[in-house]
Amino acid sequence: MSPYQIDVQIAPEFSENLSVEGIRRVAQAVLAHQGQPEGTALTIVITDDTQVHQLNRQFRGVDRPTDVLAFAAREGKESFITPEEVPLYLGDVIISYPTAQAQAAEYGHSVQRELALLIIHGCLHLLGYDHEEEKERQRMWALQEEILQGLG
């Protein structure tokens, strides 16, 4: 049993191609690597380009699909205070499966590897990592690779 609460939601048209447990395993690896406390919770949604495009436009003002979106439940010092008995909820990671497929083909690796990378990337965003500046990008990319290598 995992010490973390990871809700995985997969659009029906992609459910035959994906393993809920495999997705959870990747997210658990990120949380464990980053020393998150037991009970930490998050949601991962695997959907299509249309849904991701709509969310990207609505919440980021970017009128195009993307590979992964991360909606952190807590950011900076303005976070809600959570009672000890309530699990720490990090937020939601939304991934476009068709974009992951296209990127996997473009980069010459499996869709599973691409999804793992996108899950790691999204989870790190929920934990406060960013890649706006080069130094931040290098740190985040190194962490992604380290976690990915740890998964085997």
Protein backbone atom coordinates (compact mmCIF):
# COMPACT_ATOMS: atom_id res chain seq x y z
CA MET A 1 0.00 0.00 0.00
CA SER A 2 1.29 3.43 -0.93
CA PRO A 3 1.87 6.09 1.69
CA TYR A 4 0.44 8.62 -0.80
CA GLN A 5 -3.06 9.25 -2.12
CA ILE A 6 -2.86 9.49 -5.89
CA ASP A 7 -6.13 9.69 -7.80
CA VAL A 8 -5.74 8.70 -11.45
CA GLN A 9 -8.42 9.56 -14.00
CA ILE A 10 -8.07 8.35 -17.58
CA ALA A 11 -10.34 9.34 -20.46
CA PRO A 12 -12.15 6.16 -21.62
CA GLU A 13 -10.63 6.23 -25.10
CA PHE A 14 -7.12 5.85 -23.61
CA SER A 15 -7.86 3.45 -20.74
CA GLU A 16 -6.83 0.29 -22.65
CA ASN A 17 -3.36 1.74 -23.31
CA LEU A 18 -2.56 2.80 -19.76
CA SER A 19 -1.92 1.29 -16.36
CA VAL A 20 -3.36 3.15 -13.38
CA GLU A 21 -0.80 1.44 -11.13
CA GLY A 22 2.04 2.41 -13.47
CA ILE A 23 0.95 6.05 -13.38
CA ARG A 24 0.68 5.94 -9.58
CA ARG A 25 4.14 4.36 -9.32
CA VAL A 26 5.72 7.27 -11.20
CA ALA A 27 3.96 9.89 -9.05
CA GLN A 28 4.90 7.99 -5.88
CA ALA A 29 8.53 7.99 -6.98
CA VAL A 30 8.47 11.78 -7.30
CA LEU A 31 6.85 12.29 -3.90
CA ALA A 32 9.25 9.86 -2.20
CA HIS A 33 12.27 11.41 -3.95
CA GLN A 34 11.20 14.84 -2.71
CA GLY A 35 10.57 13.63 0.84
CA GLN A 36 6.85 14.35 0.92
CA PRO A 37 4.99 13.27 4.07
CA GLU A 38 2.73 10.22 4.15
CA GLY A 39 -0.80 10.99 3.06
CA THR A 40 0.24 13.62 0.52
CA ALA A 41 -2.38 13.60 -2.23
CA LEU A 42 -2.66 14.66 -5.86
CA THR A 43 -4.68 13.91 -8.96
CA ILE A 44 -3.40 12.89 -12.39
CA VAL A 45 -5.75 13.18 -15.37
CA ILE A 46 -4.93 11.68 -18.76
CA THR A 47 -7.12 13.25 -21.44
CA ASP A 48 -7.10 14.55 -25.02
CA ASP A 49 -5.74 17.62 -26.79
CA THR A 50 -9.14 19.33 -26.86
CA GLN A 51 -9.53 19.24 -23.08
CA VAL A 52 -5.95 20.35 -22.47
CA HIS A 53 -6.31 23.13 -25.05
CA GLN A 54 -9.45 24.39 -23.31
CA LEU A 55 -7.77 24.36 -19.88
CA ASN A 56 -4.63 26.01 -21.25
CA ARG A 57 -6.71 28.80 -22.80
CA GLN A 58 -8.96 29.26 -19.77
CA PHE A 59 -6.31 29.23 -17.04
CA ARG A 60 -3.10 30.31 -18.76
CA GLY A 61 -4.41 32.44 -21.62
CA VAL A 62 -2.53 30.27 -24.13
CA ASP A 63 -4.75 29.28 -27.06
CA ARG A 64 -3.21 25.93 -27.99
CA PRO A 65 -2.86 22.45 -26.58
CA THR A 66 0.21 21.48 -24.59
CA ASP A 67 1.62 18.26 -23.18
CA VAL A 68 1.14 18.78 -19.44
CA LEU A 69 -0.53 21.29 -17.14
CA ALA A 70 -0.06 21.48 -13.38
CA PHE A 71 -2.55 23.23 -11.14
CA ALA A 72 -1.00 23.57 -7.70
CA ALA A 73 -3.36 23.70 -4.74
CA ARG A 74 -0.78 25.71 -2.83
CA GLU A 75 1.59 28.31 -4.13
CA GLY A 76 3.95 30.54 -2.22
CA LYS A 77 2.90 31.96 1.13
CA GLU A 78 -0.78 32.22 0.22
CA SER A 79 -1.52 28.54 0.82
CA PHE A 80 -4.45 27.40 2.90
CA ILE A 81 -3.61 25.96 6.29
CA THR A 82 -4.61 22.30 6.38
CA PRO A 83 -5.48 20.54 9.68
CA GLU A 84 -3.06 17.74 10.56
CA GLU A 85 -5.68 15.01 10.09
CA VAL A 86 -6.38 16.13 6.51
CA PRO A 87 -3.92 14.92 3.84
CA LEU A 88 -1.81 17.57 2.15
CA TYR A 89 -3.34 18.04 -1.31
CA LEU A 90 -0.76 19.19 -3.87
CA GLY A 91 -3.04 19.73 -6.88
CA ASP A 92 -3.79 18.33 -10.32
CA VAL A 93 -1.59 17.21 -13.22
CA ILE A 94 -3.37 17.13 -16.58
CA ILE A 95 -1.67 15.29 -19.46
CA SER A 96 -2.64 15.11 -23.14
CA TYR A 97 -2.21 11.50 -24.24
CA PRO A 98 -2.17 12.32 -27.99
CA THR A 99 0.55 14.93 -27.44
CA ALA A 100 2.53 12.42 -25.36
CA GLN A 101 2.25 9.92 -28.23
CA ALA A 102 3.44 12.49 -30.77
CA GLN A 103 6.36 13.59 -28.59
CA ALA A 104 7.41 9.98 -27.95
CA ALA A 105 7.54 9.39 -31.72
CA GLU A 106 9.43 12.66 -32.25
CA TYR A 107 12.03 11.86 -29.56
CA GLY A 108 12.33 8.19 -30.51
CA HIS A 109 11.26 6.60 -27.23
CA SER A 110 8.21 4.80 -25.87
CA VAL A 111 4.93 6.45 -24.96
CA GLN A 112 5.38 5.00 -21.45
CA ARG A 113 8.68 6.84 -21.05
CA GLU A 114 7.14 10.08 -22.33
CA LEU A 115 4.18 9.75 -19.95
CA ALA A 116 6.53 9.07 -17.05
CA LEU A 117 8.50 12.18 -17.92
CA LEU A 118 5.32 14.29 -18.13
CA ILE A 119 4.04 12.91 -14.80
CA ILE A 120 7.37 13.71 -13.16
CA HIS A 121 7.40 17.17 -14.73
CA GLY A 122 3.87 17.94 -13.58
CA CYS A 123 4.46 16.64 -10.06
CA LEU A 124 7.61 18.74 -9.72
CA HIS A 125 5.59 21.81 -10.73
CA LEU A 126 3.08 20.98 -7.96
CA LEU A 127 6.02 20.88 -5.55
CA GLY A 128 7.10 24.39 -6.57
CA TYR A 129 9.73 23.71 -9.23
CA ASP A 130 9.73 25.85 -12.35
CA HIS A 131 11.81 26.35 -15.48
CA GLU A 132 11.35 30.03 -16.35
CA GLU A 133 15.03 30.81 -15.84
CA GLU A 134 17.92 28.74 -17.17
CA LYS A 135 19.27 27.82 -13.73
CA GLU A 136 15.79 26.62 -12.64
CA ARG A 137 15.38 24.69 -15.90
CA GLN A 138 18.70 22.90 -15.46
CA ARG A 139 17.82 21.95 -11.89
CA MET A 140 14.34 20.71 -12.84
CA TRP A 141 15.60 18.74 -15.88
CA ALA A 142 18.32 17.11 -13.75
CA LEU A 143 15.74 16.10 -11.14
CA GLN A 144 13.43 14.71 -13.82
CA GLU A 145 16.23 12.59 -15.24
CA GLU A 146 17.31 11.40 -11.78
CA ILE A 147 13.77 10.31 -10.89
CA LEU A 148 13.24 8.72 -14.31
CA GLN A 149 16.50 6.74 -13.96
CA GLY A 150 15.39 5.61 -10.49
CA LEU A 151 12.28 4.08 -12.03
CA GLY A 152 14.38 1.88 -14.30
